[in-house]
């Protein structure tokens, strides 16, 4: 998969670790910035970059980093077709894909450390939406209702 990755200044230091982990996991990371951690930048700008790449079909999923994860999540969810969630544990990271078809993982770099972030990202990358599997149709129905809310 192609994974669009971006961070504001608070997420900058973890971004390099995320890019390398995504690459090691066999995926193609797409670095959308920021390129410096010593200059304050606005997280909505980076949420927009990741969201646009996914909406254009140039990336299948995204990872956004900011101090809490909340700001980038709020911003990303403003874009039609983007389903972003803050996940600070592995269960939420895979469950949000399996049941809710989340396509953008948001992490708070002031909330989780590097090792936990790696575990969360691997759970996110390895999960697949279950709605198309026999007996799991309820997830497709629920996701369909969420998508209907966008209209």
N, C-alpha and C. Protein backbone atom coordinates (compact mmCIF):
# COMPACT_ATOMS: atom_id res chain seq x y z
N UNK A 1 0.84 -1.19 0.00
CA UNK A 1 0.00 0.00 0.00
C UNK A 1 0.88 1.24 0.00
N UNK A 2 0.33 2.29 -0.55
CA UNK A 2 0.97 3.61 -0.46
C UNK A 2 0.37 4.31 0.75
N UNK A 3 1.25 4.78 1.63
CA UNK A 3 0.82 5.40 2.87
C UNK A 3 1.30 6.85 2.90
N UNK A 4 0.38 7.79 2.88
CA UNK A 4 0.71 9.21 2.97
C UNK A 4 0.97 9.54 4.44
N UNK A 5 2.09 10.20 4.70
CA UNK A 5 2.51 10.49 6.08
C UNK A 5 2.83 11.97 6.20
N UNK A 6 2.31 12.59 7.25
CA UNK A 6 2.62 14.00 7.49
C UNK A 6 2.54 14.29 8.98
N UNK A 7 3.23 15.37 9.37
CA UNK A 7 3.27 15.77 10.77
C UNK A 7 3.40 17.27 10.86
N UNK A 8 2.88 17.81 11.94
CA UNK A 8 3.20 19.20 12.24
C UNK A 8 4.52 19.21 13.01
N UNK A 9 4.91 20.35 13.53
CA UNK A 9 6.18 20.46 14.23
C UNK A 9 6.25 19.53 15.45
N UNK A 10 5.13 19.29 16.14
CA UNK A 10 5.13 18.41 17.31
C UNK A 10 5.36 16.96 16.93
N UNK A 11 4.96 16.59 15.74
CA UNK A 11 5.12 15.21 15.28
C UNK A 11 6.37 14.96 14.46
N UNK A 12 7.13 16.01 14.20
CA UNK A 12 8.26 15.92 13.28
C UNK A 12 9.26 14.83 13.65
N UNK A 13 9.68 14.74 14.89
CA UNK A 13 10.71 13.78 15.26
C UNK A 13 10.26 12.33 15.05
N UNK A 14 9.01 12.04 15.31
CA UNK A 14 8.52 10.67 15.13
C UNK A 14 8.29 10.34 13.66
N UNK A 15 8.13 11.33 12.82
CA UNK A 15 7.82 11.10 11.40
C UNK A 15 8.86 10.23 10.71
N UNK A 16 10.14 10.47 10.96
CA UNK A 16 11.20 9.67 10.33
C UNK A 16 11.11 8.21 10.75
N UNK A 17 10.78 7.97 12.00
CA UNK A 17 10.61 6.60 12.50
C UNK A 17 9.43 5.94 11.80
N UNK A 18 8.35 6.67 11.65
CA UNK A 18 7.14 6.15 10.99
C UNK A 18 7.44 5.79 9.54
N UNK A 19 8.14 6.66 8.85
CA UNK A 19 8.46 6.42 7.44
C UNK A 19 9.29 5.15 7.30
N UNK A 20 10.28 4.99 8.14
CA UNK A 20 11.13 3.80 8.07
C UNK A 20 10.34 2.54 8.41
N UNK A 21 9.49 2.60 9.41
CA UNK A 21 8.67 1.45 9.80
C UNK A 21 7.73 1.04 8.67
N UNK A 22 7.09 2.01 8.04
CA UNK A 22 6.19 1.73 6.92
C UNK A 22 6.95 1.05 5.79
N UNK A 23 8.14 1.54 5.50
CA UNK A 23 8.98 0.95 4.45
C UNK A 23 9.38 -0.48 4.83
N UNK A 24 9.81 -0.69 6.06
CA UNK A 24 10.21 -2.02 6.52
C UNK A 24 9.04 -3.00 6.49
N UNK A 25 7.83 -2.50 6.67
CA UNK A 25 6.64 -3.35 6.65
C UNK A 25 6.20 -3.69 5.22
N UNK A 26 6.94 -3.20 4.23
CA UNK A 26 6.66 -3.55 2.84
C UNK A 26 5.72 -2.61 2.12
N UNK A 27 5.52 -1.43 2.67
CA UNK A 27 4.64 -0.45 2.06
C UNK A 27 5.46 0.73 1.54
N UNK A 28 4.81 1.56 0.73
CA UNK A 28 5.47 2.73 0.16
C UNK A 28 5.07 3.99 0.93
N UNK A 29 6.00 4.54 1.72
CA UNK A 29 5.67 5.77 2.43
C UNK A 29 5.78 6.99 1.51
N UNK A 30 4.88 7.93 1.68
CA UNK A 30 4.92 9.19 0.93
C UNK A 30 5.02 10.31 1.97
N UNK A 31 6.17 10.93 2.04
CA UNK A 31 6.45 11.97 3.03
C UNK A 31 5.91 13.32 2.56
N UNK A 32 4.94 13.85 3.30
CA UNK A 32 4.31 15.13 2.94
C UNK A 32 4.69 16.26 3.90
N UNK A 33 5.75 16.06 4.68
CA UNK A 33 6.22 17.12 5.56
C UNK A 33 5.63 17.01 6.95
N UNK A 34 5.94 17.93 7.74
CA UNK A 34 6.83 19.05 7.68
C UNK A 34 8.28 18.55 7.66
N UNK A 35 9.16 19.39 7.23
CA UNK A 35 10.56 19.01 7.12
C UNK A 35 11.41 19.58 8.24
N UNK A 36 10.77 20.28 9.18
CA UNK A 36 11.50 20.87 10.31
C UNK A 36 10.64 20.81 11.56
N UNK A 37 11.28 20.55 12.67
CA UNK A 37 10.56 20.54 13.93
C UNK A 37 10.75 21.80 14.75
N UNK A 38 11.61 22.67 14.29
CA UNK A 38 11.92 23.88 15.06
C UNK A 38 11.12 25.10 14.64
N UNK A 39 10.23 24.92 13.67
CA UNK A 39 9.39 26.01 13.20
C UNK A 39 7.93 25.59 13.35
N UNK A 40 7.14 26.38 14.03
CA UNK A 40 5.73 26.06 14.23
C UNK A 40 4.98 26.10 12.90
N UNK A 41 4.21 25.05 12.65
CA UNK A 41 3.38 24.99 11.44
C UNK A 41 1.96 24.62 11.87
N UNK A 42 1.02 24.74 10.95
CA UNK A 42 -0.38 24.51 11.25
C UNK A 42 -0.82 23.12 10.81
N UNK A 43 -1.26 22.31 11.78
CA UNK A 43 -1.64 20.93 11.51
C UNK A 43 -2.72 20.77 10.44
N UNK A 44 -3.68 21.70 10.28
CA UNK A 44 -4.68 21.48 9.23
C UNK A 44 -4.07 21.40 7.83
N UNK A 45 -2.97 22.12 7.61
CA UNK A 45 -2.31 22.08 6.30
C UNK A 45 -1.82 20.68 5.97
N UNK A 46 -1.33 19.97 6.97
CA UNK A 46 -0.78 18.62 6.75
C UNK A 46 -1.89 17.58 6.68
N UNK A 47 -2.95 17.80 7.42
CA UNK A 47 -4.12 16.92 7.31
C UNK A 47 -4.71 17.03 5.91
N UNK A 48 -4.72 18.24 5.37
CA UNK A 48 -5.23 18.43 4.02
C UNK A 48 -4.37 17.71 2.99
N UNK A 49 -3.06 17.78 3.13
CA UNK A 49 -2.16 17.12 2.17
C UNK A 49 -2.40 15.61 2.13
N UNK A 50 -2.48 14.99 3.30
CA UNK A 50 -2.72 13.55 3.37
C UNK A 50 -4.10 13.22 2.81
N UNK A 51 -5.09 13.97 3.20
CA UNK A 51 -6.46 13.72 2.74
C UNK A 51 -6.57 13.84 1.22
N UNK A 52 -5.93 14.83 0.65
CA UNK A 52 -5.97 15.02 -0.81
C UNK A 52 -5.37 13.83 -1.54
N UNK A 53 -4.24 13.34 -1.07
CA UNK A 53 -3.60 12.20 -1.74
C UNK A 53 -4.51 10.97 -1.71
N UNK A 54 -5.16 10.74 -0.60
CA UNK A 54 -6.07 9.60 -0.49
C UNK A 54 -7.28 9.81 -1.40
N UNK A 55 -7.85 10.99 -1.38
CA UNK A 55 -9.02 11.29 -2.23
C UNK A 55 -8.69 11.17 -3.71
N UNK A 56 -7.45 11.49 -4.09
CA UNK A 56 -7.02 11.39 -5.49
C UNK A 56 -6.61 9.97 -5.87
N UNK A 57 -6.61 9.04 -4.92
CA UNK A 57 -6.22 7.67 -5.21
C UNK A 57 -4.72 7.46 -5.30
N UNK A 58 -3.95 8.43 -4.84
CA UNK A 58 -2.49 8.32 -4.89
C UNK A 58 -1.93 7.66 -3.64
N UNK A 59 -2.77 7.44 -2.64
CA UNK A 59 -2.41 6.71 -1.43
C UNK A 59 -3.66 5.98 -0.95
N UNK A 60 -3.45 4.81 -0.36
CA UNK A 60 -4.59 4.04 0.14
C UNK A 60 -4.94 4.43 1.58
N UNK A 61 -3.93 4.77 2.35
CA UNK A 61 -4.13 5.15 3.75
C UNK A 61 -3.18 6.28 4.11
N UNK A 62 -3.42 6.84 5.29
CA UNK A 62 -2.57 7.92 5.76
C UNK A 62 -2.27 7.80 7.24
N UNK A 63 -1.16 8.43 7.63
CA UNK A 63 -0.78 8.54 9.04
C UNK A 63 -0.46 10.00 9.30
N UNK A 64 -1.14 10.58 10.29
CA UNK A 64 -0.94 11.97 10.66
C UNK A 64 -0.46 12.06 12.11
N UNK A 65 0.51 12.94 12.34
CA UNK A 65 1.11 13.10 13.65
C UNK A 65 1.01 14.55 14.10
N UNK A 66 0.55 14.75 15.32
CA UNK A 66 0.61 16.06 15.96
C UNK A 66 0.79 15.81 17.45
N UNK A 67 0.74 16.82 18.25
CA UNK A 67 0.98 16.65 19.67
C UNK A 67 0.01 15.71 20.35
N UNK A 68 -1.28 15.87 20.10
CA UNK A 68 -2.30 15.04 20.74
C UNK A 68 -2.93 14.03 19.80
N UNK A 69 -2.83 14.26 18.50
CA UNK A 69 -3.53 13.44 17.51
C UNK A 69 -4.92 13.97 17.22
N UNK A 70 -5.46 14.76 18.11
CA UNK A 70 -6.83 15.24 17.99
C UNK A 70 -6.97 16.29 16.89
N UNK A 71 -6.07 17.24 16.85
CA UNK A 71 -6.17 18.31 15.86
C UNK A 71 -6.16 17.78 14.44
N UNK A 72 -5.20 16.90 14.13
CA UNK A 72 -5.14 16.36 12.77
C UNK A 72 -6.34 15.49 12.46
N UNK A 73 -6.87 14.83 13.47
CA UNK A 73 -8.07 14.00 13.27
C UNK A 73 -9.27 14.87 12.92
N UNK A 74 -9.47 15.94 13.66
CA UNK A 74 -10.59 16.84 13.38
C UNK A 74 -10.47 17.41 11.97
N UNK A 75 -9.28 17.87 11.63
CA UNK A 75 -9.07 18.48 10.31
C UNK A 75 -9.28 17.47 9.19
N UNK A 76 -8.70 16.28 9.31
CA UNK A 76 -8.82 15.28 8.25
C UNK A 76 -10.26 14.85 8.03
N UNK A 77 -11.02 14.75 9.11
CA UNK A 77 -12.41 14.30 8.99
C UNK A 77 -13.33 15.32 8.31
N UNK A 78 -12.83 16.48 8.00
CA UNK A 78 -13.61 17.48 7.27
C UNK A 78 -13.68 17.15 5.77
N UNK A 79 -12.84 16.23 5.32
CA UNK A 79 -12.78 15.90 3.89
C UNK A 79 -13.63 14.67 3.61
N UNK A 80 -14.50 14.78 2.62
CA UNK A 80 -15.34 13.66 2.22
C UNK A 80 -14.46 12.47 1.85
N UNK A 81 -14.84 11.31 2.35
CA UNK A 81 -14.10 10.10 2.04
C UNK A 81 -12.93 9.82 2.96
N UNK A 82 -12.70 10.70 3.91
CA UNK A 82 -11.62 10.49 4.88
C UNK A 82 -12.25 10.09 6.20
N UNK A 83 -11.74 9.00 6.74
CA UNK A 83 -12.22 8.45 8.00
C UNK A 83 -11.03 8.32 8.91
N UNK A 84 -10.78 9.37 9.68
CA UNK A 84 -9.60 9.47 10.53
C UNK A 84 -9.97 9.23 11.98
N UNK A 85 -9.08 8.59 12.70
CA UNK A 85 -9.30 8.35 14.11
C UNK A 85 -8.02 8.43 14.90
N UNK A 86 -8.13 8.94 16.11
CA UNK A 86 -7.01 8.96 17.03
C UNK A 86 -6.95 7.59 17.69
N UNK A 87 -5.83 6.94 17.59
CA UNK A 87 -5.65 5.63 18.22
C UNK A 87 -4.37 5.65 19.03
N UNK A 88 -4.51 5.39 20.30
CA UNK A 88 -3.34 5.34 21.17
C UNK A 88 -3.16 3.97 21.79
N UNK A 89 -3.78 2.97 21.15
CA UNK A 89 -3.60 1.57 21.55
C UNK A 89 -3.77 0.70 20.31
N UNK A 90 -3.24 -0.50 20.34
CA UNK A 90 -3.27 -1.37 19.16
C UNK A 90 -4.67 -1.88 18.85
N UNK A 91 -5.48 -2.13 19.88
CA UNK A 91 -6.83 -2.63 19.64
C UNK A 91 -7.62 -1.65 18.79
N UNK A 92 -7.62 -0.39 19.18
CA UNK A 92 -8.37 0.63 18.42
C UNK A 92 -7.84 0.75 17.00
N UNK A 93 -6.53 0.63 16.83
CA UNK A 93 -5.92 0.80 15.50
C UNK A 93 -6.38 -0.28 14.52
N UNK A 94 -6.47 -1.52 14.98
CA UNK A 94 -6.94 -2.56 14.03
C UNK A 94 -8.46 -2.63 13.99
N UNK A 95 -9.12 -2.40 15.10
CA UNK A 95 -10.58 -2.45 15.14
C UNK A 95 -11.19 -1.36 14.25
N UNK A 96 -10.58 -0.20 14.22
CA UNK A 96 -11.10 0.90 13.41
C UNK A 96 -11.03 0.59 11.92
N UNK A 97 -10.10 -0.23 11.52
CA UNK A 97 -10.03 -0.68 10.12
C UNK A 97 -11.04 -1.81 9.91
N UNK A 98 -10.98 -2.81 10.76
CA UNK A 98 -11.79 -4.02 10.59
C UNK A 98 -13.29 -3.73 10.60
N UNK A 99 -13.73 -2.86 11.48
CA UNK A 99 -15.18 -2.61 11.62
C UNK A 99 -15.63 -1.29 11.01
N UNK A 100 -14.75 -0.28 11.01
CA UNK A 100 -15.17 1.07 10.62
C UNK A 100 -14.54 1.56 9.32
N UNK A 101 -13.65 0.78 8.73
CA UNK A 101 -13.00 1.13 7.46
C UNK A 101 -12.24 2.46 7.54
N UNK A 102 -11.61 2.72 8.69
CA UNK A 102 -10.80 3.93 8.86
C UNK A 102 -9.66 3.92 7.84
N UNK A 103 -9.34 5.10 7.29
CA UNK A 103 -8.24 5.15 6.34
C UNK A 103 -7.12 6.11 6.75
N UNK A 104 -7.27 6.81 7.86
CA UNK A 104 -6.20 7.68 8.35
C UNK A 104 -6.02 7.47 9.85
N UNK A 105 -4.83 7.09 10.22
CA UNK A 105 -4.45 6.92 11.62
C UNK A 105 -3.85 8.22 12.12
N UNK A 106 -4.34 8.69 13.26
CA UNK A 106 -3.83 9.91 13.87
C UNK A 106 -3.20 9.55 15.22
N UNK A 107 -1.98 10.02 15.41
CA UNK A 107 -1.26 9.73 16.64
C UNK A 107 -0.81 11.01 17.31
N UNK A 108 -0.87 11.01 18.63
CA UNK A 108 -0.36 12.12 19.42
C UNK A 108 1.02 11.80 19.92
N UNK A 109 2.00 12.51 19.42
CA UNK A 109 3.38 12.21 19.78
C UNK A 109 3.73 12.64 21.20
N UNK A 110 2.88 13.46 21.81
CA UNK A 110 3.07 13.82 23.21
C UNK A 110 2.29 12.87 24.13
N UNK A 111 1.61 11.90 23.51
CA UNK A 111 0.79 10.96 24.27
C UNK A 111 1.42 9.56 24.26
N UNK A 112 1.89 9.12 23.10
CA UNK A 112 2.49 7.79 22.99
C UNK A 112 3.98 7.92 22.71
N UNK A 113 4.74 6.98 23.20
CA UNK A 113 6.16 6.92 22.93
C UNK A 113 6.43 6.21 21.62
N UNK A 114 7.68 6.18 21.24
CA UNK A 114 8.08 5.62 19.95
C UNK A 114 7.73 4.14 19.82
N UNK A 115 8.00 3.35 20.83
CA UNK A 115 7.75 1.91 20.73
C UNK A 115 6.26 1.60 20.61
N UNK A 116 5.44 2.25 21.41
CA UNK A 116 4.00 2.04 21.31
C UNK A 116 3.49 2.53 19.97
N UNK A 117 4.00 3.64 19.50
CA UNK A 117 3.59 4.15 18.18
C UNK A 117 3.88 3.12 17.10
N UNK A 118 5.01 2.47 17.17
CA UNK A 118 5.35 1.43 16.18
C UNK A 118 4.34 0.29 16.22
N UNK A 119 3.99 -0.15 17.41
CA UNK A 119 3.01 -1.24 17.55
C UNK A 119 1.65 -0.83 16.99
N UNK A 120 1.24 0.38 17.27
CA UNK A 120 -0.04 0.89 16.79
C UNK A 120 -0.04 0.96 15.27
N UNK A 121 1.03 1.45 14.70
CA UNK A 121 1.12 1.59 13.25
C UNK A 121 1.10 0.22 12.57
N UNK A 122 1.81 -0.74 13.13
CA UNK A 122 1.78 -2.09 12.53
C UNK A 122 0.38 -2.70 12.61
N UNK A 123 -0.33 -2.47 13.71
CA UNK A 123 -1.71 -2.96 13.82
C UNK A 123 -2.57 -2.31 12.75
N UNK A 124 -2.39 -1.03 12.52
CA UNK A 124 -3.12 -0.28 11.49
C UNK A 124 -2.80 -0.82 10.09
N UNK A 125 -1.53 -1.02 9.81
CA UNK A 125 -1.12 -1.47 8.48
C UNK A 125 -1.56 -2.90 8.17
N UNK A 126 -1.61 -3.74 9.18
CA UNK A 126 -1.93 -5.15 8.96
C UNK A 126 -3.42 -5.46 8.98
N UNK A 127 -4.22 -4.53 9.37
CA UNK A 127 -5.67 -4.76 9.46
C UNK A 127 -6.35 -4.58 8.11
N UNK A 128 -7.45 -5.30 7.93
CA UNK A 128 -8.26 -5.21 6.71
C UNK A 128 -9.74 -5.10 7.11
N UNK A 129 -10.51 -4.36 6.32
CA UNK A 129 -11.94 -4.22 6.56
C UNK A 129 -12.61 -5.58 6.44
N UNK A 130 -13.44 -5.91 7.41
CA UNK A 130 -14.07 -7.23 7.48
C UNK A 130 -15.48 -7.26 6.88
N UNK A 131 -15.99 -6.13 6.45
CA UNK A 131 -17.37 -6.04 6.01
C UNK A 131 -17.75 -6.90 4.83
N UNK A 132 -16.77 -7.34 4.06
CA UNK A 132 -17.06 -8.16 2.89
C UNK A 132 -16.94 -9.66 3.17
N UNK A 133 -16.64 -10.01 4.41
CA UNK A 133 -16.51 -11.41 4.77
C UNK A 133 -17.86 -11.97 5.21
N UNK A 134 -18.10 -13.25 4.94
CA UNK A 134 -19.37 -13.87 5.36
C UNK A 134 -19.60 -13.70 6.87
N UNK A 135 -20.81 -13.31 7.22
CA UNK A 135 -21.16 -13.12 8.61
C UNK A 135 -20.75 -11.76 9.17
N UNK A 136 -20.09 -10.95 8.37
CA UNK A 136 -19.60 -9.65 8.85
C UNK A 136 -20.28 -8.48 8.13
N UNK A 137 -21.38 -8.74 7.45
CA UNK A 137 -22.05 -7.73 6.64
C UNK A 137 -22.51 -6.52 7.45
N UNK A 138 -22.70 -6.69 8.75
CA UNK A 138 -23.14 -5.58 9.59
C UNK A 138 -22.17 -4.40 9.51
N UNK A 139 -20.88 -4.70 9.30
CA UNK A 139 -19.89 -3.62 9.23
C UNK A 139 -20.07 -2.80 7.95
N UNK A 140 -20.38 -3.47 6.87
CA UNK A 140 -20.65 -2.76 5.61
C UNK A 140 -21.89 -1.90 5.76
N UNK A 141 -22.92 -2.42 6.40
CA UNK A 141 -24.16 -1.66 6.61
C UNK A 141 -23.87 -0.41 7.45
N UNK A 142 -23.12 -0.57 8.51
CA UNK A 142 -22.83 0.56 9.40
C UNK A 142 -21.95 1.61 8.72
N UNK A 143 -20.94 1.15 8.02
CA UNK A 143 -20.07 2.09 7.30
C UNK A 143 -20.88 2.82 6.23
N UNK A 144 -21.79 2.12 5.60
CA UNK A 144 -22.67 2.75 4.59
C UNK A 144 -23.50 3.87 5.21
N UNK A 145 -23.97 3.66 6.42
CA UNK A 145 -24.74 4.70 7.10
C UNK A 145 -23.86 5.91 7.43
N UNK A 146 -22.63 5.67 7.80
CA UNK A 146 -21.70 6.78 8.06
C UNK A 146 -21.45 7.56 6.78
N UNK A 147 -21.22 6.86 5.69
CA UNK A 147 -20.97 7.53 4.41
C UNK A 147 -22.20 8.32 3.95
N UNK A 148 -23.36 7.82 4.27
CA UNK A 148 -24.60 8.54 3.92
C UNK A 148 -24.66 9.88 4.66
N UNK A 149 -24.12 9.93 5.86
CA UNK A 149 -24.10 11.19 6.63
C UNK A 149 -23.29 12.27 5.94
N UNK A 150 -22.34 11.88 5.11
CA UNK A 150 -21.50 12.86 4.38
C UNK A 150 -22.29 13.63 3.34
N UNK A 151 -23.33 13.03 2.83
CA UNK A 151 -24.09 13.66 1.74
C UNK A 151 -24.95 14.80 2.21
